[in-house]
């Protein structure tokens, strides 16, 4: 599965805007986000849709993000993960 192309990233621009609004995440290059100094999230093109690889545990988990409901689900999981990190401060 190849990394998402600029055209694919344009199709999920509302999701990217939502991710950019989360202050703990840093976008080091288009569509590739870091949490602190560790890779946290990136996107892939696949014939079956668009997927996000997100590190919600020690390993990456692949989640579909083609539809707006899938994107909302991803943002909710990320928010829960970030809230847990923020509460440990």
N, C-alpha and C. Protein backbone atom coordinates (compact mmCIF):
# COMPACT_ATOMS: atom_id res chain seq x y z
N UNK A 1 0.86 -1.17 0.00
CA UNK A 1 0.00 0.00 0.00
C UNK A 1 0.90 1.23 0.00
N UNK A 2 0.69 2.12 -0.95
CA UNK A 2 1.55 3.29 -1.06
C UNK A 2 1.04 4.45 -0.20
N UNK A 3 1.96 5.32 0.16
CA UNK A 3 1.57 6.50 0.94
C UNK A 3 0.64 7.36 0.10
N UNK A 4 -0.20 8.10 0.77
CA UNK A 4 -1.22 8.90 0.10
C UNK A 4 -0.60 9.97 -0.79
N UNK A 5 -1.17 10.13 -1.96
CA UNK A 5 -0.73 11.14 -2.91
C UNK A 5 -1.32 12.50 -2.54
N UNK A 6 -0.81 13.57 -3.11
CA UNK A 6 -1.40 14.90 -2.86
C UNK A 6 -2.89 14.95 -3.23
N UNK A 7 -3.30 14.25 -4.29
CA UNK A 7 -4.72 14.22 -4.65
C UNK A 7 -5.55 13.54 -3.57
N UNK A 8 -5.03 12.46 -3.02
CA UNK A 8 -5.74 11.77 -1.94
C UNK A 8 -5.84 12.66 -0.72
N UNK A 9 -4.76 13.32 -0.36
CA UNK A 9 -4.78 14.21 0.79
C UNK A 9 -5.79 15.34 0.59
N UNK A 10 -5.93 15.81 -0.64
CA UNK A 10 -6.91 16.85 -0.93
C UNK A 10 -8.33 16.34 -0.69
N UNK A 11 -8.57 15.06 -0.94
CA UNK A 11 -9.90 14.49 -0.72
C UNK A 11 -10.26 14.39 0.76
N UNK A 12 -9.25 14.37 1.62
CA UNK A 12 -9.53 14.29 3.07
C UNK A 12 -9.10 15.58 3.77
N UNK A 13 -9.17 16.69 3.06
CA UNK A 13 -8.70 17.96 3.64
C UNK A 13 -9.44 18.36 4.91
N UNK A 14 -10.76 18.11 5.07
CA UNK A 14 -11.38 18.45 6.36
C UNK A 14 -10.78 17.66 7.53
N UNK A 15 -10.44 16.40 7.28
CA UNK A 15 -9.79 15.58 8.31
C UNK A 15 -8.42 16.16 8.65
N UNK A 16 -7.66 16.53 7.64
CA UNK A 16 -6.33 17.10 7.87
C UNK A 16 -6.43 18.40 8.66
N UNK A 17 -7.41 19.23 8.33
CA UNK A 17 -7.61 20.47 9.08
C UNK A 17 -7.92 20.18 10.54
N UNK A 18 -8.74 19.17 10.78
CA UNK A 18 -9.04 18.77 12.16
C UNK A 18 -7.81 18.31 12.91
N UNK A 19 -6.97 17.54 12.24
CA UNK A 19 -5.73 17.08 12.87
C UNK A 19 -4.79 18.24 13.16
N UNK A 20 -4.70 19.16 12.22
CA UNK A 20 -3.81 20.32 12.41
C UNK A 20 -4.27 21.21 13.57
N UNK A 21 -5.54 21.14 13.92
CA UNK A 21 -6.09 21.94 15.02
C UNK A 21 -5.74 21.35 16.39
N UNK A 22 -5.23 20.15 16.43
CA UNK A 22 -4.85 19.53 17.70
C UNK A 22 -3.41 19.92 18.03
N UNK A 23 -3.22 20.72 19.09
CA UNK A 23 -1.90 21.29 19.35
C UNK A 23 -0.80 20.28 19.69
N UNK A 24 -1.15 19.11 20.16
CA UNK A 24 -0.11 18.12 20.48
C UNK A 24 0.48 17.47 19.24
N UNK A 25 -0.22 17.57 18.11
CA UNK A 25 0.25 16.94 16.87
C UNK A 25 1.01 17.94 16.01
N UNK A 26 2.06 17.46 15.38
CA UNK A 26 2.86 18.28 14.46
C UNK A 26 2.91 17.59 13.11
N UNK A 27 2.59 18.33 12.07
CA UNK A 27 2.64 17.79 10.72
C UNK A 27 4.02 18.11 10.14
N UNK A 28 4.85 17.10 10.06
CA UNK A 28 6.23 17.31 9.60
C UNK A 28 6.32 17.39 8.09
N UNK A 29 5.46 16.69 7.40
CA UNK A 29 5.29 16.82 5.95
C UNK A 29 3.83 16.54 5.66
N UNK A 30 3.34 16.89 4.49
CA UNK A 30 1.90 16.78 4.24
C UNK A 30 1.33 15.40 4.55
N UNK A 31 0.39 15.37 5.50
CA UNK A 31 -0.28 14.13 5.86
C UNK A 31 0.49 13.21 6.77
N UNK A 32 1.62 13.66 7.29
CA UNK A 32 2.42 12.84 8.21
C UNK A 32 2.56 13.61 9.52
N UNK A 33 1.96 13.04 10.57
CA UNK A 33 1.89 13.72 11.86
C UNK A 33 2.73 13.00 12.91
N UNK A 34 3.31 13.81 13.78
CA UNK A 34 4.12 13.31 14.89
C UNK A 34 3.48 13.74 16.20
N UNK A 35 3.66 12.91 17.21
CA UNK A 35 3.28 13.23 18.58
C UNK A 35 4.57 13.22 19.37
N UNK A 36 4.93 14.37 19.87
CA UNK A 36 6.25 14.58 20.46
C UNK A 36 7.28 14.30 19.36
N UNK A 37 8.21 13.40 19.59
CA UNK A 37 9.23 13.14 18.56
C UNK A 37 8.98 11.82 17.83
N UNK A 38 7.80 11.25 18.02
CA UNK A 38 7.51 9.92 17.47
C UNK A 38 6.45 9.98 16.38
N UNK A 39 6.68 9.25 15.28
CA UNK A 39 5.68 9.17 14.22
C UNK A 39 4.36 8.69 14.82
N UNK A 40 3.27 9.37 14.46
CA UNK A 40 1.97 9.06 15.05
C UNK A 40 0.91 8.69 14.02
N UNK A 41 0.91 9.33 12.85
CA UNK A 41 -0.18 9.13 11.91
C UNK A 41 0.27 9.45 10.49
N UNK A 42 -0.11 8.60 9.54
CA UNK A 42 0.10 8.87 8.12
C UNK A 42 -0.98 8.15 7.34
N UNK A 43 -1.07 8.44 6.06
CA UNK A 43 -2.18 7.95 5.24
C UNK A 43 -1.66 7.13 4.06
N UNK A 44 -2.54 6.22 3.59
CA UNK A 44 -2.23 5.35 2.47
C UNK A 44 -3.36 5.35 1.46
N UNK A 45 -2.96 5.22 0.19
CA UNK A 45 -3.90 4.95 -0.91
C UNK A 45 -4.01 3.44 -1.07
N UNK A 46 -5.23 2.99 -1.32
CA UNK A 46 -5.47 1.58 -1.57
C UNK A 46 -6.62 1.49 -2.56
N UNK A 47 -6.67 0.48 -3.39
CA UNK A 47 -7.81 0.36 -4.31
C UNK A 47 -9.17 0.31 -3.59
N UNK A 48 -9.17 -0.09 -2.33
CA UNK A 48 -10.43 -0.16 -1.58
C UNK A 48 -10.75 1.12 -0.83
N UNK A 49 -9.86 2.10 -0.83
CA UNK A 49 -10.13 3.37 -0.15
C UNK A 49 -8.88 4.01 0.41
N UNK A 50 -9.12 4.96 1.32
CA UNK A 50 -8.04 5.68 1.99
C UNK A 50 -7.94 5.14 3.41
N UNK A 51 -6.72 4.92 3.86
CA UNK A 51 -6.49 4.37 5.19
C UNK A 51 -5.50 5.23 5.96
N UNK A 52 -5.69 5.28 7.27
CA UNK A 52 -4.76 5.95 8.17
C UNK A 52 -4.06 4.89 9.00
N UNK A 53 -2.78 5.02 9.15
CA UNK A 53 -2.02 4.23 10.12
C UNK A 53 -1.78 5.16 11.29
N UNK A 54 -2.33 4.80 12.45
CA UNK A 54 -2.24 5.65 13.62
C UNK A 54 -1.70 4.84 14.78
N UNK A 55 -0.82 5.44 15.56
CA UNK A 55 -0.19 4.76 16.70
C UNK A 55 -0.98 5.10 17.97
N UNK A 56 -2.01 4.29 18.23
CA UNK A 56 -2.81 4.49 19.44
C UNK A 56 -2.30 3.62 20.58
N UNK A 57 -1.42 2.69 20.26
CA UNK A 57 -0.72 1.86 21.26
C UNK A 57 0.76 1.90 20.87
N UNK A 58 1.47 0.85 21.17
CA UNK A 58 2.88 0.80 20.78
C UNK A 58 3.06 0.60 19.28
N UNK A 59 2.06 0.03 18.64
CA UNK A 59 2.14 -0.26 17.21
C UNK A 59 1.10 0.55 16.45
N UNK A 60 1.31 0.66 15.15
CA UNK A 60 0.34 1.33 14.30
C UNK A 60 -0.87 0.43 14.09
N UNK A 61 -2.04 1.08 14.02
CA UNK A 61 -3.30 0.42 13.71
C UNK A 61 -3.81 1.05 12.42
N UNK A 62 -4.26 0.24 11.49
CA UNK A 62 -4.77 0.75 10.22
C UNK A 62 -6.28 0.93 10.33
N UNK A 63 -6.73 2.14 9.97
CA UNK A 63 -8.16 2.45 10.02
C UNK A 63 -8.61 3.07 8.69
N UNK A 64 -9.80 2.69 8.20
CA UNK A 64 -10.31 3.31 6.99
C UNK A 64 -10.76 4.75 7.27
N UNK A 65 -10.50 5.65 6.34
CA UNK A 65 -10.90 7.06 6.51
C UNK A 65 -11.48 7.63 5.22
N UNK A 66 -12.07 6.77 4.41
CA UNK A 66 -12.64 7.23 3.15
C UNK A 66 -13.88 8.08 3.37
N UNK A 67 -14.77 7.65 4.26
CA UNK A 67 -16.03 8.37 4.49
C UNK A 67 -15.89 9.36 5.64
N UNK A 68 -16.80 10.32 5.70
CA UNK A 68 -16.77 11.30 6.79
C UNK A 68 -17.04 10.63 8.14
N UNK A 69 -17.86 9.59 8.17
CA UNK A 69 -18.10 8.91 9.45
C UNK A 69 -16.84 8.18 9.92
N UNK A 70 -16.09 7.61 8.99
CA UNK A 70 -14.83 6.96 9.34
C UNK A 70 -13.82 7.98 9.83
N UNK A 71 -13.81 9.16 9.22
CA UNK A 71 -12.91 10.23 9.64
C UNK A 71 -13.27 10.71 11.04
N UNK A 72 -14.56 10.84 11.32
CA UNK A 72 -15.02 11.25 12.66
C UNK A 72 -14.61 10.23 13.70
N UNK A 73 -14.74 8.97 13.35
CA UNK A 73 -14.34 7.90 14.27
C UNK A 73 -12.85 7.99 14.59
N UNK A 74 -12.04 8.23 13.58
CA UNK A 74 -10.60 8.37 13.80
C UNK A 74 -10.30 9.56 14.72
N UNK A 75 -10.94 10.69 14.47
CA UNK A 75 -10.70 11.87 15.31
C UNK A 75 -11.11 11.61 16.75
N UNK A 76 -12.21 10.90 16.97
CA UNK A 76 -12.64 10.59 18.35
C UNK A 76 -11.60 9.72 19.05
N UNK A 77 -11.09 8.71 18.35
CA UNK A 77 -10.07 7.83 18.95
C UNK A 77 -8.79 8.62 19.25
N UNK A 78 -8.41 9.50 18.34
CA UNK A 78 -7.22 10.33 18.57
C UNK A 78 -7.44 11.25 19.75
N UNK A 79 -8.62 11.86 19.84
CA UNK A 79 -8.90 12.76 20.97
C UNK A 79 -8.85 12.02 22.30
N UNK A 80 -9.37 10.78 22.34
CA UNK A 80 -9.29 10.00 23.58
C UNK A 80 -7.84 9.70 23.93
N UNK A 81 -7.05 9.36 22.94
CA UNK A 81 -5.63 9.07 23.15
C UNK A 81 -4.88 10.32 23.65
N UNK A 82 -5.13 11.46 23.00
CA UNK A 82 -4.46 12.69 23.40
C UNK A 82 -4.90 13.15 24.78
N UNK A 83 -6.17 12.94 25.12
CA UNK A 83 -6.66 13.30 26.45
C UNK A 83 -5.97 12.47 27.53
N UNK A 84 -5.76 11.20 27.25
CA UNK A 84 -5.06 10.34 28.20
C UNK A 84 -3.63 10.79 28.40
N UNK A 85 -2.98 11.20 27.33
CA UNK A 85 -1.60 11.71 27.44
C UNK A 85 -1.58 13.01 28.21
N UNK A 86 -2.52 13.90 27.90
CA UNK A 86 -2.57 15.22 28.54
C UNK A 86 -2.87 15.09 30.04
N UNK A 87 -3.67 14.10 30.42
CA UNK A 87 -4.00 13.94 31.85
C UNK A 87 -2.82 13.43 32.66
N UNK A 88 -1.83 12.84 32.00
CA UNK A 88 -0.64 12.35 32.71
C UNK A 88 0.37 13.45 33.00
N UNK A 89 0.16 14.63 32.45
CA UNK A 89 1.10 15.73 32.65
C UNK A 89 1.03 16.28 34.04
